[in-house]
Amino acid sequence: MNEKISPKSLKGCKPEIHYPCVWQYKIIGMKRQTVQAALSEKLGDAPYSLSESRTSKQGKYISLNLELTVHNEEQRLYLYSALTADPSIKLVL
């Protein structure tokens, strides 16, 4: 039986994540140097990798892939919140 799952039926469902785990954030900003400085400030000496993903057609925006190990949900959500609050970072996915 193939039932369609509606987005409404998924409301309130949380993915099952087993910690610690490697987590990826997509970071979108305007200047690589200011985004990197923000990441260094927020992440401190935690090991992470950063790779370029894309640049907008006119070169105004860059997107970077940030990958690091998160040890629990609180840390994962804190990092998301801290990154989105930084003015040099326009969007975090």
Protein backbone atom coordinates (compact mmCIF):
# COMPACT_ATOMS: atom_id res chain seq x y z
CA MET A 1 0.00 0.00 0.00
CA ASN A 2 1.54 3.32 -1.11
CA GLU A 3 0.13 6.09 1.00
CA LYS A 4 1.15 9.67 0.43
CA ILE A 5 2.50 11.43 3.48
CA SER A 6 1.31 14.98 3.71
CA PRO A 7 3.49 17.69 5.27
CA LYS A 8 0.67 18.27 7.73
CA SER A 9 1.00 14.72 9.06
CA LEU A 10 4.72 15.28 9.70
CA LYS A 11 4.15 18.31 11.90
CA GLY A 12 5.78 17.73 15.26
CA CYS A 13 7.96 14.87 14.01
CA LYS A 14 11.63 15.14 14.89
CA PRO A 15 14.34 13.29 13.05
CA GLU A 16 16.18 10.71 15.08
CA ILE A 17 19.77 11.93 15.35
CA HIS A 18 22.41 9.90 17.16
CA TYR A 19 25.06 12.05 18.83
CA PRO A 20 27.89 12.71 18.50
CA CYS A 21 27.61 13.05 14.75
CA VAL A 22 29.08 14.97 11.86
CA TRP A 23 26.77 17.85 10.95
CA GLN A 24 26.77 20.16 7.94
CA TYR A 25 25.60 23.73 7.74
CA LYS A 26 25.36 25.68 4.50
CA ILE A 27 26.52 29.24 5.22
CA ILE A 28 25.67 32.12 2.87
CA GLY A 29 27.41 35.46 3.21
CA MET A 30 28.91 38.27 1.21
CA LYS A 31 32.66 38.07 1.93
CA ARG A 32 34.55 34.89 2.64
CA GLN A 33 36.98 36.62 5.01
CA THR A 34 34.24 38.06 7.25
CA VAL A 35 32.34 34.77 7.29
CA GLN A 36 35.54 32.91 8.20
CA ALA A 37 36.24 35.40 11.00
CA ALA A 38 32.70 34.89 12.34
CA LEU A 39 33.13 31.11 12.24
CA SER A 40 36.46 31.31 14.07
CA GLU A 41 34.85 33.49 16.74
CA LYS A 42 31.80 31.24 17.17
CA LEU A 43 33.58 27.88 16.95
CA GLY A 44 36.75 28.73 18.83
CA ASP A 45 39.25 25.87 18.66
CA ALA A 46 36.68 23.22 17.70
CA PRO A 47 37.86 21.32 14.62
CA TYR A 48 35.81 21.95 11.49
CA SER A 49 36.16 21.93 7.74
CA LEU A 50 35.00 24.67 5.42
CA SER A 51 34.66 24.31 1.68
CA GLU A 52 33.32 26.58 -1.03
CA SER A 53 30.03 25.61 -2.52
CA ARG A 54 28.87 28.31 -4.92
CA THR A 55 29.13 31.98 -5.77
CA SER A 56 26.15 33.98 -6.98
CA LYS A 57 26.01 34.88 -10.65
CA GLN A 58 27.17 38.44 -10.05
CA GLY A 59 29.61 37.47 -7.30
CA LYS A 60 27.81 39.28 -4.48
CA TYR A 61 27.13 36.18 -2.35
CA ILE A 62 29.12 33.06 -1.55
CA SER A 63 27.96 29.83 -0.02
CA LEU A 64 30.21 27.65 2.08
CA ASN A 65 29.81 24.17 3.50
CA LEU A 66 30.68 23.96 7.18
CA GLU A 67 31.19 20.48 8.58
CA LEU A 68 31.89 19.65 12.21
CA THR A 69 31.08 17.15 14.92
CA VAL A 70 28.21 18.11 17.22
CA HIS A 71 27.91 16.31 20.53
CA ASN A 72 24.25 16.93 21.36
CA GLU A 73 21.11 18.69 20.16
CA GLU A 74 21.72 21.72 22.38
CA GLN A 75 25.11 22.32 20.76
CA ARG A 76 23.68 21.85 17.25
CA LEU A 77 20.86 24.33 17.88
CA TYR A 78 23.14 26.80 19.69
CA LEU A 79 25.54 26.86 16.73
CA TYR A 80 22.68 27.44 14.30
CA SER A 81 21.39 30.28 16.45
CA ALA A 82 24.82 31.85 16.94
CA LEU A 83 25.61 31.69 13.23
CA THR A 84 22.29 33.18 12.13
CA ALA A 85 22.74 36.05 14.61
CA ASP A 86 26.03 37.14 13.07
CA PRO A 87 25.63 40.12 10.69
CA SER A 88 28.25 38.81 8.23
CA ILE A 89 26.19 35.65 7.68
CA LYS A 90 23.04 36.15 5.65
CA LEU A 91 21.57 32.64 5.81
CA VAL A 92 22.26 29.30 7.48
CA LEU A 93 20.74 26.06 6.21
